[in-house]
Amino acid sequence: MAKTVILTHADADGICAGAIALARWPRAEIFFTKPVSLLADLKDVQASNIIIADIAITKRDALQIVDLLKQKSRHADITYVDHHPLPQNIKAADIASAVKWVHQEGPATSELIYHHYKADIPKERVWPAIYGSISDYCEGTPFMRDVMRNWEKRALYFEVSTLVLGIKVEEFAGYDAKREIVKLLARGGNPSDVYGLVTAAKAAVGLQFELYRAVKKVAKKIGYIGYVQDVHTFGFRGASALFAATVTNSPVGPVTNSPVGLGVHTGRAWLDVTIRARDPSIALHTLAELASEAVGGSGGGLPEAAGARIPLGSLEQFIEKMNGLLKSNFRPAKLKKPPDLK
């Protein structure tokens, strides 16, 4: 069992964080997971060294995940690097008592993991840290503002766009293709070095404009919430939610002048909901957690980009809860305790 396993998210920040971890542990196996799957995937991992990167902990699974980390830490070294807010039913000390807990809200996970391993990797591996930070809109930290002065900014943004857009296209959307990108970045390559990824990114730009036109035709609005359900997103679920907010524009009472948008995808047993807003001060992760919990689901993420998984048939109730929060209880980016949802 003497091996290293890296569990990371499959978005651009997760790919870059995984690449930095792989630069430190070049023989590691790379696996992709997500918040709703972490508990099950972590149970299956058999390794003496486990790195978890960029995976938010859902409130639903939080207590079980902490218990599982404690169990596995008896036989394995575990490093957990993340930047998502913790759910309210656990504390950082609960996790830090069992694993190496590297956590800070604000920086991207790829920046945090670079700081953690920078003494043991080439200094140029700051490139994936930069790419991951820009991809998650986290390039405004003091470290990122400073380090980005060392490089040509337009080239950095070209590489980020190549990665973020390119992995939306089917050829690069699968885990196997993303795993190869992780390996290339870990060796010091750049996203544009991946054969076909620049072309895929260019194609993705056209698909995003096509998505906007589709959302404009079918988006609906309930209260302060604009939403689309089961449109062909071409992999741009976040964009579909943002476009739903854009095309159903209406003010959200005294809190903000910007609506919240949902992109809803129907699965076999759940509705997967992607949540975005044009107002960056709305703490979407809190809205997602509270509203999804009220309908028997789970949700969370980042203040500016959140998601939820809710039972089939609960969408209108979910939207009603979000509207109630926005109308009477919610305050942008300041909500610490759950308001009364009754």
C-alpha atoms as a PDB file:
ATOM      1  CA  MET A   1       0.000   0.000   0.000  1.00  0.00           C
ATOM      2  CA  ALA A   2       3.052   2.252  -0.151  1.00  0.00           C
ATOM      3  CA  LYS A   3       1.790   4.654  -2.749  1.00  0.00           C
ATOM      4  CA  THR A   4       0.587   8.231  -3.169  1.00  0.00           C
ATOM      5  CA  VAL A   5      -2.879   9.149  -4.424  1.00  0.00           C
ATOM      6  CA  ILE A   6      -3.991  12.646  -5.385  1.00  0.00           C
ATOM      7  CA  LEU A   7      -7.723  13.375  -5.277  1.00  0.00           C
ATOM      8  CA  THR A   8      -8.523  16.653  -6.976  1.00  0.00           C
ATOM      9  CA  HIS A   9     -11.317  18.563  -8.654  1.00  0.00           C
ATOM     10  CA  ALA A  10     -11.734  18.363 -12.432  1.00  0.00           C
ATOM     11  CA  ASP A  11     -12.029  22.103 -13.059  1.00  0.00           C
ATOM     12  CA  ALA A  12      -9.065  24.293 -14.011  1.00  0.00           C
ATOM     13  CA  ASP A  13      -8.083  25.132 -10.423  1.00  0.00           C
ATOM     14  CA  GLY A  14      -8.254  21.455  -9.479  1.00  0.00           C
ATOM     15  CA  ILE A  15      -6.216  20.435 -12.515  1.00  0.00           C
ATOM     16  CA  CYS A  16      -3.538  23.000 -11.673  1.00  0.00           C
ATOM     17  CA  ALA A  17      -3.521  22.061  -7.989  1.00  0.00           C
ATOM     18  CA  GLY A  18      -3.206  18.407  -8.963  1.00  0.00           C
ATOM     19  CA  ALA A  19      -0.286  19.264 -11.250  1.00  0.00           C
ATOM     20  CA  ILE A  20       1.576  21.013  -8.427  1.00  0.00           C
ATOM     21  CA  ALA A  21       0.986  18.052  -6.133  1.00  0.00           C
ATOM     22  CA  LEU A  22       2.181  15.699  -8.862  1.00  0.00           C
ATOM     23  CA  ALA A  23       5.336  17.799  -9.309  1.00  0.00           C
ATOM     24  CA  ARG A  24       6.041  17.058  -5.642  1.00  0.00           C
ATOM     25  CA  TRP A  25       4.971  13.411  -5.845  1.00  0.00           C
ATOM     26  CA  PRO A  26       5.775  12.406  -9.464  1.00  0.00           C
ATOM     27  CA  ARG A  27       4.807   8.740  -9.014  1.00  0.00           C
ATOM     28  CA  ALA A  28       1.393   9.535  -7.593  1.00  0.00           C
ATOM     29  CA  GLU A  29      -1.862   8.318  -9.089  1.00  0.00           C
ATOM     30  CA  ILE A  30      -4.315  11.057 -10.086  1.00  0.00           C
ATOM     31  CA  PHE A  31      -8.034  10.691  -9.463  1.00  0.00           C
ATOM     32  CA  PHE A  32     -10.767  13.276  -9.958  1.00  0.00           C
ATOM     33  CA  THR A  33     -13.651  13.705  -7.561  1.00  0.00           C
ATOM     34  CA  LYS A  34     -16.178  16.354  -6.492  1.00  0.00           C
ATOM     35  CA  PRO A  35     -17.900  17.424  -3.281  1.00  0.00           C
ATOM     36  CA  VAL A  36     -20.915  15.127  -3.604  1.00  0.00           C
ATOM     37  CA  SER A  37     -18.640  12.150  -4.359  1.00  0.00           C
ATOM     38  CA  LEU A  38     -15.757  12.760  -1.951  1.00  0.00           C
ATOM     39  CA  LEU A  39     -17.055  10.556   0.845  1.00  0.00           C
ATOM     40  CA  ALA A  40     -17.559   7.522  -1.394  1.00  0.00           C
ATOM     41  CA  ASP A  41     -14.339   8.057  -3.356  1.00  0.00           C
ATOM     42  CA  LEU A  42     -12.237   8.546  -0.237  1.00  0.00           C
ATOM     43  CA  LYS A  43     -13.538   5.268   1.193  1.00  0.00           C
ATOM     44  CA  ASP A  44     -12.112   3.476  -1.833  1.00  0.00           C
ATOM     45  CA  VAL A  45      -8.626   4.988  -1.600  1.00  0.00           C
ATOM     46  CA  GLN A  46      -5.935   2.657  -0.318  1.00  0.00           C
ATOM     47  CA  ALA A  47      -2.646   4.541  -0.036  1.00  0.00           C
ATOM     48  CA  SER A  48       0.004   5.529   2.474  1.00  0.00           C
ATOM     49  CA  ASN A  49       0.037   9.142   1.266  1.00  0.00           C
ATOM     50  CA  ILE A  50      -3.181  10.929   0.255  1.00  0.00           C
ATOM     51  CA  ILE A  51      -3.479  14.467  -1.080  1.00  0.00           C
ATOM     52  CA  ILE A  52      -6.944  16.007  -1.420  1.00  0.00           C
ATOM     53  CA  ALA A  53      -7.129  19.282  -3.331  1.00  0.00           C
ATOM     54  CA  ASP A  54      -9.885  21.765  -4.169  1.00  0.00           C
ATOM     55  CA  ILE A  55     -12.794  19.662  -2.909  1.00  0.00           C
ATOM     56  CA  ALA A  56     -15.412  21.489  -0.859  1.00  0.00           C
ATOM     57  CA  ILE A  57     -16.912  19.575   2.060  1.00  0.00           C
ATOM     58  CA  THR A  58     -20.698  19.432   1.926  1.00  0.00           C
ATOM     59  CA  LYS A  59     -22.700  19.887   5.096  1.00  0.00           C
ATOM     60  CA  ARG A  60     -24.514  16.612   4.422  1.00  0.00           C
ATOM     61  CA  ASP A  61     -21.304  14.553   4.463  1.00  0.00           C
ATOM     62  CA  ALA A  62     -19.128  16.720   6.712  1.00  0.00           C
ATOM     63  CA  LEU A  63     -19.274  14.674   9.915  1.00  0.00           C
ATOM     64  CA  GLN A  64     -18.743  11.386   8.087  1.00  0.00           C
ATOM     65  CA  ILE A  65     -15.819  12.821   6.124  1.00  0.00           C
ATOM     66  CA  VAL A  66     -14.136  14.017   9.318  1.00  0.00           C
ATOM     67  CA  ASP A  67     -14.589  10.569  10.880  1.00  0.00           C
ATOM     68  CA  LEU A  68     -13.236   8.873   7.753  1.00  0.00           C
ATOM     69  CA  LEU A  69     -10.204  11.166   7.648  1.00  0.00           C
ATOM     70  CA  LYS A  70      -9.462  10.300  11.259  1.00  0.00           C
ATOM     71  CA  GLN A  71      -9.722   6.588  10.507  1.00  0.00           C
ATOM     72  CA  LYS A  72      -7.495   6.746   7.445  1.00  0.00           C
ATOM     73  CA  SER A  73      -4.934   8.978   9.155  1.00  0.00           C
ATOM     74  CA  ARG A  74      -4.037   6.055  11.428  1.00  0.00           C
ATOM     75  CA  HIS A  75      -2.402   4.337   8.463  1.00  0.00           C
ATOM     76  CA  ALA A  76      -1.742   7.166   5.997  1.00  0.00           C
ATOM     77  CA  ASP A  77      -0.351  10.667   5.752  1.00  0.00           C
ATOM     78  CA  ILE A  78      -3.171  12.907   4.526  1.00  0.00           C
ATOM     79  CA  THR A  79      -2.845  16.448   3.240  1.00  0.00           C
ATOM     80  CA  TYR A  80      -6.044  18.373   2.543  1.00  0.00           C
ATOM     81  CA  VAL A  81      -5.677  21.665   0.631  1.00  0.00           C
ATOM     82  CA  ASP A  82      -8.782  23.738  -0.064  1.00  0.00           C
ATOM     83  CA  HIS A  83     -10.166  27.275  -0.250  1.00  0.00           C
ATOM     84  CA  HIS A  84     -13.909  26.695   0.068  1.00  0.00           C
ATOM     85  CA  PRO A  85     -15.804  27.853   3.172  1.00  0.00           C
ATOM     86  CA  LEU A  86     -16.425  25.078   5.660  1.00  0.00           C
ATOM     87  CA  PRO A  87     -20.006  24.033   6.398  1.00  0.00           C
ATOM     88  CA  GLN A  88     -21.323  25.213   9.731  1.00  0.00           C
ATOM     89  CA  ASN A  89     -21.504  21.770  11.330  1.00  0.00           C
ATOM     90  CA  ILE A  90     -17.727  21.254  11.485  1.00  0.00           C
ATOM     91  CA  LYS A  91     -14.724  23.346  12.489  1.00  0.00           C
ATOM     92  CA  ALA A  92     -11.245  23.583  11.008  1.00  0.00           C
ATOM     93  CA  ALA A  93      -9.865  22.086  14.212  1.00  0.00           C
ATOM     94  CA  ASP A  94     -11.908  18.934  13.583  1.00  0.00           C
ATOM     95  CA  ILE A  95     -10.035  18.320  10.334  1.00  0.00           C
ATOM     96  CA  ALA A  96      -6.667  19.633  11.489  1.00  0.00           C
ATOM     97  CA  SER A  97      -6.662  17.135  14.325  1.00  0.00           C
ATOM     98  CA  ALA A  98      -6.453  14.295  11.796  1.00  0.00           C
ATOM     99  CA  VAL A  99      -4.681  15.625   8.679  1.00  0.00           C
ATOM    100  CA  LYS A 100      -2.366  18.328   7.383  1.00  0.00           C
ATOM    101  CA  TRP A 101      -5.036  20.934   6.852  1.00  0.00           C
ATOM    102  CA  VAL A 102      -4.059  23.720   4.450  1.00  0.00           C
ATOM    103  CA  HIS A 103      -7.045  26.013   4.192  1.00  0.00           C
ATOM    104  CA  GLN A 104      -7.682  29.670   3.495  1.00  0.00           C
ATOM    105  CA  GLU A 105     -10.579  31.452   1.874  1.00  0.00           C
ATOM    106  CA  GLY A 106      -9.532  33.950  -0.765  1.00  0.00           C
ATOM    107  CA  PRO A 107      -6.589  32.348  -2.580  1.00  0.00           C
ATOM    108  CA  ALA A 108      -7.182  29.570  -5.095  1.00  0.00           C
ATOM    109  CA  THR A 109      -6.332  26.040  -4.063  1.00  0.00           C
ATOM    110  CA  SER A 110      -3.554  26.033  -6.637  1.00  0.00           C
ATOM    111  CA  GLU A 111      -1.903  28.978  -4.868  1.00  0.00           C
ATOM    112  CA  LEU A 112      -2.252  27.333  -1.464  1.00  0.00           C
ATOM    113  CA  ILE A 113      -0.774  24.044  -2.621  1.00  0.00           C
ATOM    114  CA  TYR A 114       2.080  25.863  -4.350  1.00  0.00           C
ATOM    115  CA  HIS A 115       2.999  27.544  -1.056  1.00  0.00           C
ATOM    116  CA  HIS A 116       2.791  24.191   0.692  1.00  0.00           C
ATOM    117  CA  TYR A 117       5.159  22.399  -1.695  1.00  0.00           C
ATOM    118  CA  LYS A 118       7.259  25.221  -3.174  1.00  0.00           C
ATOM    119  CA  ALA A 119      10.425  24.216  -1.299  1.00  0.00           C
ATOM    120  CA  ASP A 120      10.330  20.821  -3.036  1.00  0.00           C
ATOM    121  CA  ILE A 121       9.378  21.739  -6.610  1.00  0.00           C
ATOM    122  CA  PRO A 122      10.896  23.879  -9.391  1.00  0.00           C
ATOM    123  CA  LYS A 123      10.067  27.572  -9.056  1.00  0.00           C
ATOM    124  CA  GLU A 124       8.412  27.516 -12.502  1.00  0.00           C
ATOM    125  CA  ARG A 125       5.599  25.419 -11.060  1.00  0.00           C
ATOM    126  CA  VAL A 126       4.243  28.751  -9.963  1.00  0.00           C
ATOM    127  CA  TRP A 127       2.800  28.842 -13.508  1.00  0.00           C
ATOM    128  CA  PRO A 128       0.001  26.358 -12.787  1.00  0.00           C
ATOM    129  CA  ALA A 129      -0.589  28.212  -9.511  1.00  0.00           C
ATOM    130  CA  ILE A 130      -1.144  31.372 -11.558  1.00  0.00           C
ATOM    131  CA  TYR A 131      -3.334  29.587 -14.116  1.00  0.00           C
ATOM    132  CA  GLY A 132      -5.496  28.015 -11.433  1.00  0.00           C
ATOM    133  CA  SER A 133      -5.830  31.301  -9.566  1.00  0.00           C
ATOM    134  CA  ILE A 134      -6.939  33.244 -12.631  1.00  0.00           C
ATOM    135  CA  SER A 135      -9.352  30.472 -13.606  1.00  0.00           C
ATOM    136  CA  ASP A 136     -11.089  30.759 -10.218  1.00  0.00           C
ATOM    137  CA  TYR A 137     -11.006  34.588 -10.235  1.00  0.00           C
ATOM    138  CA  CYS A 138      -8.540  34.522  -7.340  1.00  0.00           C
ATOM    139  CA  GLU A 139      -5.634  36.395  -8.913  1.00  0.00           C
ATOM    140  CA  GLY A 140      -6.156  39.431  -6.651  1.00  0.00           C
ATOM    141  CA  THR A 141      -4.270  38.056  -3.646  1.00  0.00           C
ATOM    142  CA  PRO A 142      -1.078  39.879  -2.625  1.00  0.00           C
ATOM    143  CA  PHE A 143       1.078  36.929  -3.707  1.00  0.00           C
ATOM    144  CA  MET A 144      -0.587  36.647  -7.101  1.00  0.00           C
ATOM    145  CA  ARG A 145      -0.432  40.378  -7.778  1.00  0.00           C
ATOM    146  CA  ASP A 146       3.275  40.283  -6.991  1.00  0.00           C
ATOM    147  CA  VAL A 147       4.258  37.110  -8.826  1.00  0.00           C
ATOM    148  CA  MET A 148       2.305  37.951 -11.964  1.00  0.00           C
ATOM    149  CA  ARG A 149       4.586  40.954 -12.441  1.00  0.00           C
ATOM    150  CA  ASN A 150       7.340  38.478 -13.332  1.00  0.00           C
ATOM    151  CA  TRP A 151       5.582  37.224 -16.442  1.00  0.00           C
ATOM    152  CA  GLU A 152       3.863  38.559 -19.537  1.00  0.00           C
ATOM    153  CA  LYS A 153       0.274  38.939 -18.397  1.00  0.00           C
ATOM    154  CA  ARG A 154      -1.303  38.497 -21.828  1.00  0.00           C
ATOM    155  CA  ALA A 155       0.511  35.173 -22.267  1.00  0.00           C
ATOM    156  CA  LEU A 156      -0.746  34.047 -18.839  1.00  0.00           C
ATOM    157  CA  TYR A 157      -4.343  34.848 -19.739  1.00  0.00           C
ATOM    158  CA  PHE A 158      -3.969  33.096 -23.074  1.00  0.00           C
ATOM    159  CA  GLU A 159      -2.850  29.930 -21.290  1.00  0.00           C
ATOM    160  CA  VAL A 160      -5.686  30.193 -18.771  1.00  0.00           C
ATOM    161  CA  SER A 161      -8.265  30.665 -21.514  1.00  0.00           C
ATOM    162  CA  THR A 162      -6.837  27.703 -23.392  1.00  0.00           C
ATOM    163  CA  LEU A 163      -7.241  25.504 -20.331  1.00  0.00           C
ATOM    164  CA  VAL A 164     -10.594  26.755 -19.032  1.00  0.00           C
ATOM    165  CA  LEU A 165     -12.284  26.742 -22.439  1.00  0.00           C
ATOM    166  CA  GLY A 166     -10.494  23.773 -23.947  1.00  0.00           C
ATOM    167  CA  ILE A 167     -11.599  21.290 -21.272  1.00  0.00           C
ATOM    168  CA  LYS A 168     -15.231  22.156 -22.037  1.00  0.00           C
ATOM    169  CA  VAL A 169     -14.976  20.461 -25.415  1.00  0.00           C
ATOM    170  CA  GLU A 170     -15.790  16.747 -25.473  1.00  0.00           C
ATOM    171  CA  GLU A 171     -12.303  15.691 -26.572  1.00  0.00           C
ATOM    172  CA  PHE A 172     -10.806  17.082 -23.358  1.00  0.00           C
ATOM    173  CA  ALA A 173     -13.759  16.899 -20.966  1.00  0.00           C
ATOM    174  CA  GLY A 174     -13.126  13.324 -19.810  1.00  0.00           C
ATOM    175  CA  TYR A 175     -10.992  12.369 -16.841  1.00  0.00           C
ATOM    176  CA  ASP A 176      -8.386  10.561 -18.942  1.00  0.00           C
ATOM    177  CA  ALA A 177      -7.694  13.652 -21.046  1.00  0.00           C
ATOM    178  CA  LYS A 178      -7.593  15.869 -17.980  1.00  0.00           C
ATOM    179  CA  ARG A 179      -5.187  13.469 -16.297  1.00  0.00           C
ATOM    180  CA  GLU A 180      -2.786  13.897 -19.206  1.00  0.00           C
ATOM    181  CA  ILE A 181      -3.036  17.675 -18.839  1.00  0.00           C
ATOM    182  CA  VAL A 182      -2.156  17.343 -15.148  1.00  0.00           C
ATOM    183  CA  LYS A 183       0.899  15.296 -16.038  1.00  0.00           C
ATOM    184  CA  LEU A 184       2.061  17.786 -18.667  1.00  0.00           C
ATOM    185  CA  LEU A 185       1.690  20.759 -16.312  1.00  0.00           C
ATOM    186  CA  ALA A 186       3.531  18.845 -13.590  1.00  0.00           C
ATOM    187  CA  ARG A 187       6.468  18.401 -15.984  1.00  0.00           C
ATOM    188  CA  GLY A 188       6.618  22.136 -16.679  1.00  0.00           C
ATOM    189  CA  GLY A 189       4.468  22.332 -19.793  1.00  0.00           C
ATOM    190  CA  ASN A 190       1.724  24.828 -20.510  1.00  0.00           C
ATOM    191  CA  PRO A 191      -1.893  24.258 -21.568  1.00  0.00           C
ATOM    192  CA  SER A 192      -1.155  25.408 -25.105  1.00  0.00           C
ATOM    193  CA  ASP A 193       1.391  22.581 -25.388  1.00  0.00           C
ATOM    194  CA  VAL A 194      -1.459  20.044 -25.280  1.00  0.00           C
ATOM    195  CA  TYR A 195      -2.102  19.057 -28.885  1.00  0.00           C
ATOM    196  CA  GLY A 196      -5.523  20.265 -29.983  1.00  0.00           C
ATOM    197  CA  LEU A 197      -6.372  22.191 -26.815  1.00  0.00           C
ATOM    198  CA  VAL A 198      -6.025  25.656 -28.393  1.00  0.00           C
ATOM    199  CA  THR A 199      -8.302  24.614 -31.244  1.00  0.00           C
ATOM    200  CA  ALA A 200     -10.768  23.197 -28.737  1.00  0.00           C
ATOM    201  CA  ALA A 201     -10.727  26.460 -26.792  1.00  0.00           C
ATOM    202  CA  LYS A 202     -11.513  28.424 -29.929  1.00  0.00           C
ATOM    203  CA  ALA A 203     -14.421  26.100 -30.682  1.00  0.00           C
ATOM    204  CA  ALA A 204     -15.657  26.541 -27.110  1.00  0.00           C
ATOM    205  CA  VAL A 205     -15.919  30.298 -27.587  1.00  0.00           C
ATOM    206  CA  GLY A 206     -18.402  29.768 -30.398  1.00  0.00           C
ATOM    207  CA  LEU A 207     -20.351  27.274 -28.329  1.00  0.00           C
ATOM    208  CA  GLN A 208     -20.644  29.760 -25.492  1.00  0.00           C
ATOM    209  CA  PHE A 209     -22.226  32.353 -27.761  1.00  0.00           C
ATOM    210  CA  GLU A 210     -24.567  29.657 -29.050  1.00  0.00           C
ATOM    211  CA  LEU A 211     -25.458  28.833 -25.450  1.00  0.00           C
ATOM    212  CA  TYR A 212     -26.307  32.464 -24.739  1.00  0.00           C
ATOM    213  CA  ARG A 213     -28.735  32.552 -27.663  1.00  0.00           C
ATOM    214  CA  ALA A 214     -30.391  29.342 -26.437  1.00  0.00           C
ATOM    215  CA  VAL A 215     -30.707  30.605 -22.859  1.00  0.00           C
ATOM    216  CA  LYS A 216     -32.193  33.871 -24.076  1.00  0.00           C
ATOM    217  CA  LYS A 217     -35.020  31.935 -25.752  1.00  0.00           C
ATOM    218  CA  VAL A 218     -35.978  29.621 -22.880  1.00  0.00           C
ATOM    219  CA  ALA A 219     -34.973  31.248 -19.577  1.00  0.00           C
ATOM    220  CA  LYS A 220     -37.721  31.640 -16.992  1.00  0.00           C
ATOM    221  CA  LYS A 221     -38.000  33.745 -13.872  1.00  0.00           C
ATOM    222  CA  ILE A 222     -39.562  33.117 -10.475  1.00  0.00           C
ATOM    223  CA  GLY A 223     -39.233  36.086  -8.158  1.00  0.00           C
ATOM    224  CA  TYR A 224     -35.599  37.144  -8.119  1.00  0.00           C
ATOM    225  CA  ILE A 225     -34.336  33.931  -9.696  1.00  0.00           C
ATOM    226  CA  GLY A 226     -33.727  33.414 -13.412  1.00  0.00           C
ATOM    227  CA  TYR A 227     -33.231  29.818 -14.479  1.00  0.00           C
ATOM    228  CA  VAL A 228     -32.928  27.387 -17.338  1.00  0.00           C
ATOM    229  CA  GLN A 229     -33.459  23.653 -17.149  1.00  0.00           C
ATOM    230  CA  ASP A 230     -31.921  20.969 -19.326  1.00  0.00           C
ATOM    231  CA  VAL A 231     -30.585  23.219 -22.056  1.00  0.00           C
ATOM    232  CA  HIS A 232     -27.588  21.884 -23.943  1.00  0.00           C
ATOM    233  CA  THR A 233     -24.815  23.691 -22.052  1.00  0.00           C
ATOM    234  CA  PHE A 234     -21.861  22.252 -24.026  1.00  0.00           C
ATOM    235  CA  GLY A 235     -20.171  21.871 -20.630  1.00  0.00           C
ATOM    236  CA  PHE A 236     -20.696  25.533 -19.685  1.00  0.00           C
ATOM    237  CA  ARG A 237     -23.008  25.060 -16.719  1.00  0.00           C
ATOM    238  CA  GLY A 238     -21.671  28.124 -14.946  1.00  0.00           C
ATOM    239  CA  ALA A 239     -22.208  30.219 -18.052  1.00  0.00           C
ATOM    240  CA  SER A 240     -25.753  28.908 -18.439  1.00  0.00           C
ATOM    241  CA  ALA A 241     -26.561  30.065 -14.907  1.00  0.00           C
ATOM    242  CA  LEU A 242     -24.931  33.453 -15.454  1.00  0.00           C
ATOM    243  CA  PHE A 243     -26.758  33.949 -18.753  1.00  0.00           C
ATOM    244  CA  ALA A 244     -30.042  33.040 -17.033  1.00  0.00           C
ATOM    245  CA  ALA A 245     -29.382  35.879 -14.583  1.00  0.00           C
ATOM    246  CA  THR A 246     -28.431  38.219 -17.407  1.00  0.00           C
ATOM    247  CA  VAL A 247     -31.432  37.688 -19.681  1.00  0.00           C
ATOM    248  CA  THR A 248     -34.052  37.709 -16.879  1.00  0.00           C
ATOM    249  CA  ASN A 249     -32.659  40.897 -15.372  1.00  0.00           C
ATOM    250  CA  SER A 250     -34.673  42.159 -12.401  1.00  0.00           C
ATOM    251  CA  PRO A 251     -33.658  43.848  -9.131  1.00  0.00           C
ATOM    252  CA  VAL A 252     -33.414  41.847  -5.909  1.00  0.00           C
ATOM    253  CA  GLY A 253     -35.121  44.257  -3.561  1.00  0.00           C
ATOM    254  CA  PRO A 254     -32.899  46.432  -1.368  1.00  0.00           C
ATOM    255  CA  VAL A 255     -30.070  43.897  -1.297  1.00  0.00           C
ATOM    256  CA  THR A 256     -28.761  44.090  -4.848  1.00  0.00           C
ATOM    257  CA  ASN A 257     -29.724  45.199  -8.319  1.00  0.00           C
ATOM    258  CA  SER A 258     -28.672  41.894  -9.858  1.00  0.00           C
ATOM    259  CA  PRO A 259     -30.697  38.690 -10.163  1.00  0.00           C
ATOM    260  CA  VAL A 260     -29.420  35.242  -9.315  1.00  0.00           C
ATOM    261  CA  GLY A 261     -29.218  32.662 -12.106  1.00  0.00           C
ATOM    262  CA  LEU A 262     -29.601  28.883 -12.013  1.00  0.00           C
ATOM    263  CA  GLY A 263     -28.572  26.280 -14.551  1.00  0.00           C
ATOM    264  CA  VAL A 264     -30.505  23.115 -13.754  1.00  0.00           C
ATOM    265  CA  HIS A 265     -29.656  19.653 -15.071  1.00  0.00           C
ATOM    266  CA  THR A 266     -31.945  16.665 -14.469  1.00  0.00           C
ATOM    267  CA  GLY A 267     -30.183  13.492 -13.415  1.00  0.00           C
ATOM    268  CA  ARG A 268     -31.550  10.047 -12.656  1.00  0.00           C
ATOM    269  CA  ALA A 269     -32.326  10.764  -9.013  1.00  0.00           C
ATOM    270  CA  TRP A 270     -31.344  14.403  -8.456  1.00  0.00           C
ATOM    271  CA  LEU A 271     -31.396  17.852  -9.919  1.00  0.00           C
ATOM    272  CA  ASP A 272     -27.913  19.318 -10.230  1.00  0.00           C
ATOM    273  CA  VAL A 273     -28.070  23.094  -9.881  1.00  0.00           C
ATOM    274  CA  THR A 274     -25.321  25.542 -10.826  1.00  0.00           C
ATOM    275  CA  ILE A 275     -25.700  29.000  -9.273  1.00  0.00           C
ATOM    276  CA  ARG A 276     -24.224  32.313 -10.391  1.00  0.00           C
ATOM    277  CA  ALA A 277     -24.974  36.023  -9.906  1.00  0.00           C
ATOM    278  CA  ARG A 278     -23.795  39.225 -11.529  1.00  0.00           C
ATOM    279  CA  ASP A 279     -23.371  40.837  -8.110  1.00  0.00           C
ATOM    280  CA  PRO A 280     -20.112  39.475  -6.600  1.00  0.00           C
ATOM    281  CA  SER A 281     -21.152  40.491  -3.090  1.00  0.00           C
ATOM    282  CA  ILE A 282     -23.870  37.823  -2.859  1.00  0.00           C
ATOM    283  CA  ALA A 283     -22.617  34.874  -0.822  1.00  0.00           C
ATOM    284  CA  LEU A 284     -23.963  32.202  -3.148  1.00  0.00           C
ATOM    285  CA  HIS A 285     -22.472  29.291  -1.182  1.00  0.00           C
ATOM    286  CA  THR A 286     -24.603  30.243   1.813  1.00  0.00           C
ATOM    287  CA  LEU A 287     -27.727  30.561  -0.295  1.00  0.00           C
ATOM    288  CA  ALA A 288     -27.022  27.168  -1.859  1.00  0.00           C
ATOM    289  CA  GLU A 289     -26.417  25.457   1.464  1.00  0.00           C
ATOM    290  CA  LEU A 290     -29.481  26.847   3.226  1.00  0.00           C
ATOM    291  CA  ALA A 291     -31.964  26.500   0.369  1.00  0.00           C
ATOM    292  CA  SER A 292     -30.844  22.986  -0.599  1.00  0.00           C
ATOM    293  CA  GLU A 293     -30.907  21.782   2.991  1.00  0.00           C
ATOM    294  CA  ALA A 294     -34.501  23.008   3.273  1.00  0.00           C
ATOM    295  CA  VAL A 295     -35.590  20.659   0.448  1.00  0.00           C
ATOM    296  CA  GLY A 296     -33.540  17.629   1.496  1.00  0.00           C
ATOM    297  CA  GLY A 297     -30.494  18.258  -0.666  1.00  0.00           C
ATOM    298  CA  SER A 298     -26.996  19.604  -0.212  1.00  0.00           C
ATOM    299  CA  GLY A 299     -25.154  22.604  -1.563  1.00  0.00           C
ATOM    300  CA  GLY A 300     -22.217  24.927  -1.156  1.00  0.00           C
ATOM    301  CA  GLY A 301     -19.173  26.129  -3.028  1.00  0.00           C
ATOM    302  CA  LEU A 302     -17.687  29.611  -3.148  1.00  0.00           C
ATOM    303  CA  PRO A 303     -19.351  32.974  -2.497  1.00  0.00           C
ATOM    304  CA  GLU A 304     -19.183  33.793  -6.207  1.00  0.00           C
ATOM    305  CA  ALA A 305     -19.807  30.313  -7.640  1.00  0.00           C
ATOM    306  CA  ALA A 306     -21.973  27.705  -5.971  1.00  0.00           C
ATOM    307  CA  GLY A 307     -23.975  24.594  -6.696  1.00  0.00           C
ATOM    308  CA  ALA A 308     -26.530  22.264  -5.196  1.00  0.00           C
ATOM    309  CA  ARG A 309     -27.930  18.793  -5.602  1.00  0.00           C
ATOM    310  CA  ILE A 310     -31.621  18.594  -4.745  1.00  0.00           C
ATOM    311  CA  PRO A 311     -34.335  15.903  -5.070  1.00  0.00           C
ATOM    312  CA  LEU A 312     -36.335  15.581  -8.255  1.00  0.00           C
ATOM    313  CA  GLY A 313     -39.501  17.660  -8.124  1.00  0.00           C
ATOM    314  CA  SER A 314     -38.127  20.154  -5.586  1.00  0.00           C
ATOM    315  CA  LEU A 315     -36.961  22.928  -7.915  1.00  0.00           C
ATOM    316  CA  GLU A 316     -39.833  25.356  -7.315  1.00  0.00           C
ATOM    317  CA  GLN A 317     -39.561  24.854  -3.548  1.00  0.00           C
ATOM    318  CA  PHE A 318     -35.795  25.384  -3.769  1.00  0.00           C
ATOM    319  CA  ILE A 319     -36.288  28.620  -5.702  1.00  0.00           C
ATOM    320  CA  GLU A 320     -38.962  29.734  -3.232  1.00  0.00           C
ATOM    321  CA  LYS A 321     -36.476  29.311  -0.369  1.00  0.00           C
ATOM    322  CA  MET A 322     -33.823  31.255  -2.228  1.00  0.00           C
ATOM    323  CA  ASN A 323     -36.299  34.036  -2.926  1.00  0.00           C
ATOM    324  CA  GLY A 324     -37.273  34.159   0.728  1.00  0.00           C
ATOM    325  CA  LEU A 325     -33.663  34.496   1.784  1.00  0.00           C
ATOM    326  CA  LEU A 326     -32.951  37.220  -0.753  1.00  0.00           C
ATOM    327  CA  LYS A 327     -36.090  39.151   0.104  1.00  0.00           C
ATOM    328  CA  SER A 328     -36.102  39.257   3.877  1.00  0.00           C
ATOM    329  CA  ASN A 329     -33.131  37.671   5.599  1.00  0.00           C
ATOM    330  CA  PHE A 330     -30.124  37.678   3.366  1.00  0.00           C
ATOM    331  CA  ARG A 331     -27.372  40.284   3.407  1.00  0.00           C
ATOM    332  CA  PRO A 332     -24.582  40.119   0.817  1.00  0.00           C
ATOM    333  CA  ALA A 333     -21.423  38.355   2.005  1.00  0.00           C
ATOM    334  CA  LYS A 334     -22.255  38.972   5.676  1.00  0.00           C
ATOM    335  CA  LEU A 335     -24.506  36.058   6.529  1.00  0.00           C
ATOM    336  CA  LYS A 336     -22.811  34.041   9.290  1.00  0.00           C
ATOM    337  CA  LYS A 337     -25.693  32.197  10.923  1.00  0.00           C
ATOM    338  CA  PRO A 338     -28.587  30.531   9.121  1.00  0.00           C
ATOM    339  CA  PRO A 339     -31.727  32.668   9.136  1.00  0.00           C
ATOM    340  CA  ASP A 340     -35.036  31.166  10.097  1.00  0.00           C
ATOM    341  CA  LEU A 341     -36.362  29.414   7.015  1.00  0.00           C
ATOM    342  CA  LYS A 342     -39.784  28.686   8.488  1.00  0.00           C
END
